[in-house]
Protein backbone atom coordinates (compact mmCIF):
# COMPACT_ATOMS: atom_id res chain seq x y z
CA UNK A 1 -64.93 2.31 -76.58
CA UNK A 2 -67.08 0.24 -74.24
CA UNK A 3 -63.92 -1.49 -72.97
CA UNK A 4 -62.43 1.88 -72.03
CA UNK A 5 -65.49 2.85 -70.03
CA UNK A 6 -65.51 -0.53 -68.26
CA UNK A 7 -61.92 0.06 -67.10
CA UNK A 8 -62.71 3.38 -65.41
CA UNK A 9 -63.01 3.41 -61.60
CA UNK A 10 -66.55 3.60 -60.23
CA UNK A 11 -67.83 7.15 -60.57
CA UNK A 12 -69.13 7.14 -56.99
CA UNK A 13 -65.56 7.10 -55.72
CA UNK A 14 -64.49 9.85 -58.12
CA UNK A 15 -67.44 12.03 -57.19
CA UNK A 16 -66.59 11.98 -53.51
CA UNK A 17 -63.05 13.15 -52.71
CA UNK A 18 -63.19 12.02 -49.07
CA UNK A 19 -64.23 8.52 -50.09
CA UNK A 20 -61.47 8.43 -52.72
CA UNK A 21 -58.89 9.62 -50.17
CA UNK A 22 -60.02 7.00 -47.66
CA UNK A 23 -59.93 4.26 -50.29
CA UNK A 24 -56.41 5.22 -51.39
CA UNK A 25 -55.12 5.41 -47.78
CA UNK A 26 -56.52 1.97 -47.00
CA UNK A 27 -54.85 0.56 -50.10
CA UNK A 28 -51.51 2.18 -49.27
CA UNK A 29 -51.51 0.81 -45.70
CA UNK A 30 -52.65 -2.62 -46.88
CA UNK A 31 -49.76 -2.79 -49.35
CA UNK A 32 -47.31 -1.47 -46.73
CA UNK A 33 -48.43 -4.20 -44.31
CA UNK A 34 -48.05 -6.83 -47.05
CA UNK A 35 -44.49 -5.64 -47.74
CA UNK A 36 -43.68 -5.67 -44.01
CA UNK A 37 -45.07 -9.20 -43.67
CA UNK A 38 -43.05 -10.43 -46.67
CA UNK A 39 -39.79 -8.76 -45.62
CA UNK A 40 -37.28 -11.33 -44.33
CA UNK A 41 -35.06 -8.93 -42.39
CA UNK A 42 -35.47 -7.06 -39.12
CA UNK A 43 -36.89 -10.09 -37.31
CA UNK A 44 -36.49 -8.58 -33.83
CA UNK A 45 -38.13 -5.35 -34.97
CA UNK A 46 -40.98 -7.30 -36.56
CA UNK A 47 -41.61 -9.06 -33.24
CA UNK A 48 -41.96 -5.70 -31.53
CA UNK A 49 -43.85 -4.00 -34.37
CA UNK A 50 -45.97 -6.68 -36.06
CA UNK A 51 -48.17 -4.22 -37.94
CA UNK A 52 -47.70 -0.91 -39.66
CA UNK A 53 -49.82 2.02 -38.47
CA UNK A 54 -53.31 2.23 -39.90
CA UNK A 55 -53.32 6.01 -40.14
CA UNK A 56 -50.82 8.71 -40.98
CA UNK A 57 -51.10 10.21 -37.49
CA UNK A 58 -50.65 6.89 -35.64
CA UNK A 59 -47.28 6.68 -33.96
CA UNK A 60 -45.35 3.47 -34.62
CA UNK A 61 -43.02 3.91 -31.66
CA UNK A 62 -42.37 6.73 -29.23
CA UNK A 63 -39.78 9.30 -30.25
CA UNK A 64 -36.95 8.27 -27.95
CA UNK A 65 -33.36 7.52 -28.92
CA UNK A 66 -32.99 4.70 -26.37
CA UNK A 67 -36.15 2.94 -27.52
CA UNK A 68 -35.04 3.34 -31.14
CA UNK A 69 -31.76 1.63 -30.26
CA UNK A 70 -33.60 -1.16 -28.44
CA UNK A 71 -35.85 -1.77 -31.44
CA UNK A 72 -33.18 -1.59 -34.14
CA UNK A 73 -30.43 -3.30 -32.15
CA UNK A 74 -27.99 -0.59 -33.16
CA UNK A 75 -25.40 1.24 -31.09
CA UNK A 76 -25.05 -0.28 -27.60
CA UNK A 77 -25.41 -4.01 -28.26
CA UNK A 78 -22.15 -5.94 -28.64
CA UNK A 79 -23.24 -7.76 -31.81
CA UNK A 80 -23.70 -4.39 -33.50
CA UNK A 81 -20.50 -2.95 -32.04
CA UNK A 82 -18.53 -5.92 -33.39
CA UNK A 83 -20.20 -5.55 -36.78
CA UNK A 84 -18.98 -1.94 -37.04
CA UNK A 85 -15.56 -2.92 -35.63
CA UNK A 86 -15.94 -1.05 -32.34
CA UNK A 87 -15.67 -4.25 -30.33
CA UNK A 88 -13.65 -7.41 -30.71
CA UNK A 89 -16.38 -9.58 -29.24
CA UNK A 90 -20.12 -9.84 -29.80
CA UNK A 91 -20.60 -11.85 -26.61
CA UNK A 92 -22.58 -10.79 -23.60
CA UNK A 93 -21.21 -11.45 -20.10
CA UNK A 94 -23.43 -14.54 -20.04
CA UNK A 95 -21.55 -15.86 -23.10
CA UNK A 96 -24.44 -15.46 -25.55
CA UNK A 97 -24.48 -13.20 -28.61
CA UNK A 98 -25.54 -9.81 -27.27
CA UNK A 99 -28.06 -8.55 -29.79
CA UNK A 100 -31.15 -6.55 -28.87
CA UNK A 101 -33.39 -9.58 -28.51
CA UNK A 102 -30.97 -11.38 -26.20
CA UNK A 103 -30.23 -8.27 -24.16
CA UNK A 104 -33.82 -7.21 -23.67
CA UNK A 105 -35.71 -10.49 -23.64
CA UNK A 106 -33.42 -13.25 -22.38
CA UNK A 107 -30.28 -11.97 -20.69
CA UNK A 108 -30.26 -12.77 -16.95
CA UNK A 109 -28.43 -9.49 -16.20
CA UNK A 110 -31.52 -7.42 -17.07
CA UNK A 111 -34.19 -9.77 -15.70
CA UNK A 112 -35.04 -7.81 -12.54
CA UNK A 113 -37.17 -5.10 -14.17
CA UNK A 114 -38.16 -7.00 -17.30
CA UNK A 115 -41.91 -6.99 -18.04
CA UNK A 116 -43.66 -10.33 -18.73
CA UNK A 117 -43.91 -9.38 -22.39
CA UNK A 118 -42.34 -6.58 -24.38
CA UNK A 119 -45.19 -4.45 -25.68
CA UNK A 120 -44.30 -1.02 -27.07
CA UNK A 121 -47.73 0.25 -26.07
CA UNK A 122 -46.97 -0.49 -22.43
CA UNK A 123 -45.23 2.18 -20.34
CA UNK A 124 -43.36 -0.46 -18.30
CA UNK A 125 -41.83 -1.88 -21.49
CA UNK A 126 -40.74 1.56 -22.63
CA UNK A 127 -39.17 2.34 -19.27
CA UNK A 128 -37.44 -1.05 -19.15
CA UNK A 129 -35.97 -0.55 -22.62
CA UNK A 130 -34.75 2.95 -21.80
CA UNK A 131 -33.12 1.86 -18.53
CA UNK A 132 -31.52 -1.23 -20.05
CA UNK A 133 -30.05 0.63 -23.03
CA UNK A 134 -28.71 3.33 -20.69
CA UNK A 135 -27.06 0.66 -18.54
CA UNK A 136 -25.57 -0.99 -21.61
CA UNK A 137 -24.11 2.35 -22.70
CA UNK A 138 -22.63 2.93 -19.24
CA UNK A 139 -21.15 -0.54 -19.32
CA UNK A 140 -19.65 0.04 -22.78
CA UNK A 141 -18.13 3.38 -21.71
CA UNK A 142 -16.53 1.71 -18.68
CA UNK A 143 -15.23 -1.11 -20.88
CA UNK A 144 -13.55 1.37 -23.21
CA UNK A 145 -11.90 3.05 -20.21
CA UNK A 146 -10.54 -0.33 -19.19
CA UNK A 147 -12.67 -0.48 -16.04
CA UNK A 148 -14.67 -3.52 -15.00
CA UNK A 149 -18.38 -3.54 -15.73
CA UNK A 150 -20.40 -1.26 -13.45
CA UNK A 151 -22.75 -3.00 -11.05
CA UNK A 152 -26.21 -3.86 -12.42
């Protein structure tokens, strides 16, 4: 019976529901961060979002469809479009693979308004991502119509 008692959580935590809630939340977020760190996929997303939120009310990224596309690399980037068979090529006009990281961080076409670093907490980064994804969509629409790329 002494072994059973020794395995029980400390009674101070059980006697205080706020302390227990706080302890459990910390443990959940710690484990979530560990899983995120160990995950081998989503490398571009992990560069933009290196840590999970520390509280349930902390926003990971702003609620914006263009920013979501920039972070996930889905929809307007040629690498994704080729993957879902909506494009024959995954190449950018600069002859590199056009994934989100290339398009937003390295591509010379979008250099003019690019911030020094891409930080999702920075309003300039958010605006840059929104504008770039919108331009990529416009370009893709024109491509489908058979028109040359719109001016940058």
